[in-house]
PDB file of N, CA and C in Angstrom:
ATOM      1  N   UNK A   1     143.430 178.719 130.634  1.00  0.00           N
ATOM      2  CA  UNK A   1     142.567 177.540 130.848  1.00  0.00           C
ATOM      3  C   UNK A   1     140.806 178.183 129.946  1.00  0.00           C
ATOM      4  N   UNK A   2     140.754 176.561 129.433  1.00  0.00           N
ATOM      5  CA  UNK A   2     140.225 176.254 128.256  1.00  0.00           C
ATOM      6  C   UNK A   2     138.545 177.331 128.996  1.00  0.00           C
ATOM      7  N   UNK A   3     137.683 177.871 128.200  1.00  0.00           N
ATOM      8  CA  UNK A   3     136.313 177.684 129.029  1.00  0.00           C
ATOM      9  C   UNK A   3     135.254 176.775 128.554  1.00  0.00           C
ATOM     10  N   UNK A   4     134.369 176.748 129.129  1.00  0.00           N
ATOM     11  CA  UNK A   4     133.335 175.846 128.408  1.00  0.00           C
ATOM     12  C   UNK A   4     132.693 175.943 127.322  1.00  0.00           C
ATOM     13  N   UNK A   5     132.048 175.085 125.911  1.00  0.00           N
ATOM     14  CA  UNK A   5     131.880 175.106 125.359  1.00  0.00           C
ATOM     15  C   UNK A   5     130.679 175.901 125.227  1.00  0.00           C
ATOM     16  N   UNK A   6     130.035 176.011 126.384  1.00  0.00           N
ATOM     17  CA  UNK A   6     128.376 176.789 126.502  1.00  0.00           C
ATOM     18  C   UNK A   6     129.409 177.856 126.616  1.00  0.00           C
ATOM     19  N   UNK A   7     130.123 177.968 127.216  1.00  0.00           N
ATOM     20  CA  UNK A   7     130.080 179.865 127.755  1.00  0.00           C
ATOM     21  C   UNK A   7     130.924 180.305 126.016  1.00  0.00           C
ATOM     22  N   UNK A   8     131.355 179.932 125.809  1.00  0.00           N
ATOM     23  CA  UNK A   8     131.987 180.477 124.625  1.00  0.00           C
ATOM     24  C   UNK A   8     131.019 181.481 123.863  1.00  0.00           C
ATOM     25  N   UNK A   9     130.025 180.465 123.398  1.00  0.00           N
ATOM     26  CA  UNK A   9     128.574 180.633 122.654  1.00  0.00           C
ATOM     27  C   UNK A   9     127.145 181.157 123.634  1.00  0.00           C
ATOM     28  N   UNK A  10     127.740 182.044 125.000  1.00  0.00           N
ATOM     29  CA  UNK A  10     127.372 182.428 125.571  1.00  0.00           C
ATOM     30  C   UNK A  10     125.390 181.898 125.653  1.00  0.00           C
ATOM     31  N   UNK A  11     125.603 180.105 125.853  1.00  0.00           N
ATOM     32  CA  UNK A  11     124.072 179.441 126.267  1.00  0.00           C
ATOM     33  C   UNK A  11     124.917 178.328 127.029  1.00  0.00           C
ATOM     34  N   UNK A  12     123.313 178.035 127.532  1.00  0.00           N
ATOM     35  CA  UNK A  12     123.119 177.117 128.780  1.00  0.00           C
ATOM     36  C   UNK A  12     124.169 176.181 128.253  1.00  0.00           C
ATOM     37  N   UNK A  13     124.310 175.171 129.510  1.00  0.00           N
ATOM     38  CA  UNK A  13     124.391 173.588 129.254  1.00  0.00           C
ATOM     39  C   UNK A  13     123.313 172.915 128.231  1.00  0.00           C
ATOM     40  N   UNK A  14     122.548 172.874 129.394  1.00  0.00           N
ATOM     41  CA  UNK A  14     120.853 173.017 128.819  1.00  0.00           C
ATOM     42  C   UNK A  14     120.644 173.078 127.242  1.00  0.00           C
ATOM     43  N   UNK A  15     120.738 174.021 127.103  1.00  0.00           N
ATOM     44  CA  UNK A  15     120.539 174.664 124.843  1.00  0.00           C
ATOM     45  C   UNK A  15     121.782 173.677 124.064  1.00  0.00           C
ATOM     46  N   UNK A  16     123.076 173.612 124.668  1.00  0.00           N
ATOM     47  CA  UNK A  16     123.902 173.241 124.077  1.00  0.00           C
ATOM     48  C   UNK A  16     123.787 171.249 124.075  1.00  0.00           C
ATOM     49  N   UNK A  17     123.446 170.427 124.751  1.00  0.00           N
ATOM     50  CA  UNK A  17     123.078 169.290 125.251  1.00  0.00           C
ATOM     51  C   UNK A  17     121.815 169.352 123.601  1.00  0.00           C
ATOM     52  N   UNK A  18     120.376 170.732 124.369  1.00  0.00           N
ATOM     53  CA  UNK A  18     119.399 169.676 123.342  1.00  0.00           C
ATOM     54  C   UNK A  18     120.109 170.001 121.670  1.00  0.00           C
ATOM     55  N   UNK A  19     121.086 171.084 121.289  1.00  0.00           N
ATOM     56  CA  UNK A  19     121.538 171.281 120.172  1.00  0.00           C
ATOM     57  C   UNK A  19     122.315 170.245 119.233  1.00  0.00           C
ATOM     58  N   UNK A  20     123.007 169.530 120.807  1.00  0.00           N
ATOM     59  CA  UNK A  20     123.696 168.262 119.575  1.00  0.00           C
ATOM     60  C   UNK A  20     122.664 167.623 120.201  1.00  0.00           C
ATOM     61  N   UNK A  21     122.031 167.031 120.700  1.00  0.00           N
ATOM     62  CA  UNK A  21     120.715 165.667 120.395  1.00  0.00           C
ATOM     63  C   UNK A  21     119.717 166.429 119.273  1.00  0.00           C
ATOM     64  N   UNK A  22     119.433 167.740 118.170  1.00  0.00           N
ATOM     65  CA  UNK A  22     118.347 167.285 117.652  1.00  0.00           C
ATOM     66  C   UNK A  22     119.898 167.126 116.305  1.00  0.00           C
ATOM     67  N   UNK A  23     120.614 167.532 116.324  1.00  0.00           N
ATOM     68  CA  UNK A  23     121.924 167.512 115.453  1.00  0.00           C
ATOM     69  C   UNK A  23     122.647 166.422 115.393  1.00  0.00           C
ATOM     70  N   UNK A  24     123.033 165.362 116.346  1.00  0.00           N
ATOM     71  CA  UNK A  24     124.373 164.600 116.291  1.00  0.00           C
ATOM     72  C   UNK A  24     122.945 162.764 116.244  1.00  0.00           C
ATOM     73  N   UNK A  25     121.875 163.168 116.556  1.00  0.00           N
ATOM     74  CA  UNK A  25     121.291 162.119 117.255  1.00  0.00           C
ATOM     75  C   UNK A  25     119.714 161.372 115.978  1.00  0.00           C
ATOM     76  N   UNK A  26     119.930 160.839 115.500  1.00  0.00           N
ATOM     77  CA  UNK A  26     118.886 161.099 114.700  1.00  0.00           C
ATOM     78  C   UNK A  26     117.454 161.272 115.137  1.00  0.00           C
ATOM     79  N   UNK A  27     117.039 160.176 115.635  1.00  0.00           N
ATOM     80  CA  UNK A  27     115.388 160.660 116.579  1.00  0.00           C
ATOM     81  C   UNK A  27     115.356 161.803 117.097  1.00  0.00           C
ATOM     82  N   UNK A  28     116.811 162.936 117.130  1.00  0.00           N
ATOM     83  CA  UNK A  28     116.719 164.458 117.594  1.00  0.00           C
ATOM     84  C   UNK A  28     116.291 164.852 118.936  1.00  0.00           C
ATOM     85  N   UNK A  29     116.405 163.461 119.832  1.00  0.00           N
ATOM     86  CA  UNK A  29     115.847 164.379 121.166  1.00  0.00           C
ATOM     87  C   UNK A  29     117.248 162.969 121.952  1.00  0.00           C
ATOM     88  N   UNK A  30     117.824 163.496 123.329  1.00  0.00           N
ATOM     89  CA  UNK A  30     118.808 162.334 123.735  1.00  0.00           C
ATOM     90  C   UNK A  30     117.642 160.773 124.997  1.00  0.00           C
ATOM     91  N   UNK A  31     118.177 159.648 125.320  1.00  0.00           N
ATOM     92  CA  UNK A  31     117.207 158.726 125.294  1.00  0.00           C
ATOM     93  C   UNK A  31     116.541 159.134 126.879  1.00  0.00           C
ATOM     94  N   UNK A  32     115.453 159.018 127.092  1.00  0.00           N
ATOM     95  CA  UNK A  32     114.832 158.108 128.811  1.00  0.00           C
ATOM     96  C   UNK A  32     115.510 157.137 129.386  1.00  0.00           C
ATOM     97  N   UNK A  33     115.654 157.579 130.243  1.00  0.00           N
ATOM     98  CA  UNK A  33     116.262 156.502 131.626  1.00  0.00           C
ATOM     99  C   UNK A  33     114.979 155.151 131.243  1.00  0.00           C
ATOM    100  N   UNK A  34     114.236 155.882 130.654  1.00  0.00           N
ATOM    101  CA  UNK A  34     113.001 154.734 130.954  1.00  0.00           C
ATOM    102  C   UNK A  34     113.178 153.360 130.117  1.00  0.00           C
ATOM    103  N   UNK A  35     113.471 154.406 128.843  1.00  0.00           N
ATOM    104  CA  UNK A  35     113.702 153.126 126.922  1.00  0.00           C
ATOM    105  C   UNK A  35     115.121 152.542 127.571  1.00  0.00           C
ATOM    106  N   UNK A  36     115.306 153.014 128.869  1.00  0.00           N
ATOM    107  CA  UNK A  36     116.291 151.887 128.481  1.00  0.00           C
ATOM    108  C   UNK A  36     116.442 150.536 129.817  1.00  0.00           C
ATOM    109  N   UNK A  37     114.882 151.208 130.559  1.00  0.00           N
ATOM    110  CA  UNK A  37     114.839 149.889 132.108  1.00  0.00           C
ATOM    111  C   UNK A  37     113.681 149.197 130.868  1.00  0.00           C
ATOM    112  N   UNK A  38     112.961 149.907 130.669  1.00  0.00           N
ATOM    113  CA  UNK A  38     111.917 148.849 128.945  1.00  0.00           C
ATOM    114  C   UNK A  38     112.443 148.029 129.060  1.00  0.00           C
ATOM    115  N   UNK A  39     113.953 147.975 127.786  1.00  0.00           N
ATOM    116  CA  UNK A  39     114.252 147.478 126.969  1.00  0.00           C
ATOM    117  C   UNK A  39     115.274 146.076 127.910  1.00  0.00           C
ATOM    118  N   UNK A  40     115.667 146.775 129.456  1.00  0.00           N
ATOM    119  CA  UNK A  40     116.418 145.650 130.483  1.00  0.00           C
ATOM    120  C   UNK A  40     114.988 144.933 130.359  1.00  0.00           C
ATOM    121  N   UNK A  41     113.635 145.643 131.018  1.00  0.00           N
ATOM    122  CA  UNK A  41     112.864 144.211 131.475  1.00  0.00           C
ATOM    123  C   UNK A  41     112.560 143.448 130.421  1.00  0.00           C
ATOM    124  N   UNK A  42     112.590 144.070 129.432  1.00  0.00           N
ATOM    125  CA  UNK A  42     112.339 142.686 127.842  1.00  0.00           C
ATOM    126  C   UNK A  42     112.714 142.094 127.368  1.00  0.00           C
ATOM    127  N   UNK A  43     114.927 142.935 127.316  1.00  0.00           N
ATOM    128  CA  UNK A  43     115.620 141.247 127.837  1.00  0.00           C
ATOM    129  C   UNK A  43     115.363 139.944 129.175  1.00  0.00           C
ATOM    130  N   UNK A  44     114.738 140.526 130.026  1.00  0.00           N
ATOM    131  CA  UNK A  44     114.632 139.764 131.224  1.00  0.00           C
ATOM    132  C   UNK A  44     113.587 138.395 131.196  1.00  0.00           C
ATOM    133  N   UNK A  45     112.821 139.030 130.323  1.00  0.00           N
ATOM    134  CA  UNK A  45     111.117 139.137 130.216  1.00  0.00           C
ATOM    135  C   UNK A  45     111.825 137.624 129.076  1.00  0.00           C
ATOM    136  N   UNK A  46     110.551 136.940 129.412  1.00  0.00           N
ATOM    137  CA  UNK A  46     110.789 134.896 128.473  1.00  0.00           C
ATOM    138  C   UNK A  46     109.901 135.626 126.832  1.00  0.00           C
ATOM    139  N   UNK A  47     109.790 136.743 126.848  1.00  0.00           N
ATOM    140  CA  UNK A  47     109.799 136.683 125.440  1.00  0.00           C
ATOM    141  C   UNK A  47     110.693 137.308 124.857  1.00  0.00           C
ATOM    142  N   UNK A  48     112.147 137.519 125.756  1.00  0.00           N
ATOM    143  CA  UNK A  48     113.087 137.510 124.927  1.00  0.00           C
ATOM    144  C   UNK A  48     113.924 136.332 124.589  1.00  0.00           C
ATOM    145  N   UNK A  49     113.491 135.215 125.591  1.00  0.00           N
ATOM    146  CA  UNK A  49     113.708 133.697 125.649  1.00  0.00           C
ATOM    147  C   UNK A  49     114.496 132.898 124.864  1.00  0.00           C
ATOM    148  N   UNK A  50     115.338 133.638 123.815  1.00  0.00           N
ATOM    149  CA  UNK A  50     115.412 132.875 122.308  1.00  0.00           C
ATOM    150  C   UNK A  50     116.497 133.740 121.565  1.00  0.00           C
ATOM    151  N   UNK A  51     117.141 135.344 122.460  1.00  0.00           N
ATOM    152  CA  UNK A  51     117.825 136.015 121.822  1.00  0.00           C
ATOM    153  C   UNK A  51     119.037 135.245 122.252  1.00  0.00           C
ATOM    154  N   UNK A  52     120.243 135.257 121.571  1.00  0.00           N
ATOM    155  CA  UNK A  52     121.932 135.379 122.262  1.00  0.00           C
ATOM    156  C   UNK A  52     122.816 135.372 121.550  1.00  0.00           C
ATOM    157  N   UNK A  53     123.768 136.116 122.876  1.00  0.00           N
ATOM    158  CA  UNK A  53     125.095 136.486 121.453  1.00  0.00           C
ATOM    159  C   UNK A  53     124.858 138.349 120.580  1.00  0.00           C
ATOM    160  N   UNK A  54     124.000 139.020 121.733  1.00  0.00           N
ATOM    161  CA  UNK A  54     124.430 139.919 120.166  1.00  0.00           C
ATOM    162  C   UNK A  54     124.495 141.616 121.342  1.00  0.00           C
ATOM    163  N   UNK A  55     125.025 141.771 120.311  1.00  0.00           N
ATOM    164  CA  UNK A  55     125.089 143.277 121.081  1.00  0.00           C
ATOM    165  C   UNK A  55     124.210 144.663 120.837  1.00  0.00           C
ATOM    166  N   UNK A  56     123.343 144.982 121.703  1.00  0.00           N
ATOM    167  CA  UNK A  56     122.342 146.004 120.890  1.00  0.00           C
ATOM    168  C   UNK A  56     122.754 147.246 121.213  1.00  0.00           C
ATOM    169  N   UNK A  57     122.589 149.035 120.905  1.00  0.00           N
ATOM    170  CA  UNK A  57     123.124 149.429 121.024  1.00  0.00           C
ATOM    171  C   UNK A  57     121.208 150.345 121.213  1.00  0.00           C
ATOM    172  N   UNK A  58     121.109 150.753 121.883  1.00  0.00           N
ATOM    173  CA  UNK A  58     119.638 152.402 122.588  1.00  0.00           C
ATOM    174  C   UNK A  58     120.865 153.785 122.660  1.00  0.00           C
ATOM    175  N   UNK A  59     120.515 153.956 120.992  1.00  0.00           N
ATOM    176  CA  UNK A  59     120.761 155.070 120.537  1.00  0.00           C
ATOM    177  C   UNK A  59     120.130 155.978 120.234  1.00  0.00           C
ATOM    178  N   UNK A  60     119.270 155.412 119.145  1.00  0.00           N
ATOM    179  CA  UNK A  60     117.949 157.271 118.707  1.00  0.00           C
ATOM    180  C   UNK A  60     118.678 157.003 117.678  1.00  0.00           C
ATOM    181  N   UNK A  61     119.497 155.620 116.991  1.00  0.00           N
ATOM    182  CA  UNK A  61     119.478 155.363 115.934  1.00  0.00           C
ATOM    183  C   UNK A  61     121.094 156.231 115.702  1.00  0.00           C
ATOM    184  N   UNK A  62     121.981 156.629 116.565  1.00  0.00           N
ATOM    185  CA  UNK A  62     123.481 157.377 115.870  1.00  0.00           C
ATOM    186  C   UNK A  62     124.456 155.986 115.800  1.00  0.00           C
ATOM    187  N   UNK A  63     124.457 155.243 116.451  1.00  0.00           N
ATOM    188  CA  UNK A  63     125.117 154.378 115.904  1.00  0.00           C
ATOM    189  C   UNK A  63     124.921 153.093 113.930  1.00  0.00           C
ATOM    190  N   UNK A  64     124.008 153.478 113.533  1.00  0.00           N
ATOM    191  CA  UNK A  64     123.618 153.115 112.652  1.00  0.00           C
ATOM    192  C   UNK A  64     124.312 152.749 111.814  1.00  0.00           C
ATOM    193  N   UNK A  65     123.930 151.563 110.897  1.00  0.00           N
ATOM    194  CA  UNK A  65     124.948 151.540 109.911  1.00  0.00           C
ATOM    195  C   UNK A  65     125.880 150.396 109.842  1.00  0.00           C
TER     196      UNK A  65
END
């Protein structure tokens, strides 16, 4: 049976997650639920009424390019 990556490195899952966020996500942290909710609220608002047919990633720059 394979051991979880955190166990093989003798760290907690939270430490592993933090390290991943700092190295793999350009803004250096995982996104917060409130940030996604804010964006959804914006899309549902009148201010976004002219936005159509677009795909948007909320990924802290991870999908840049």
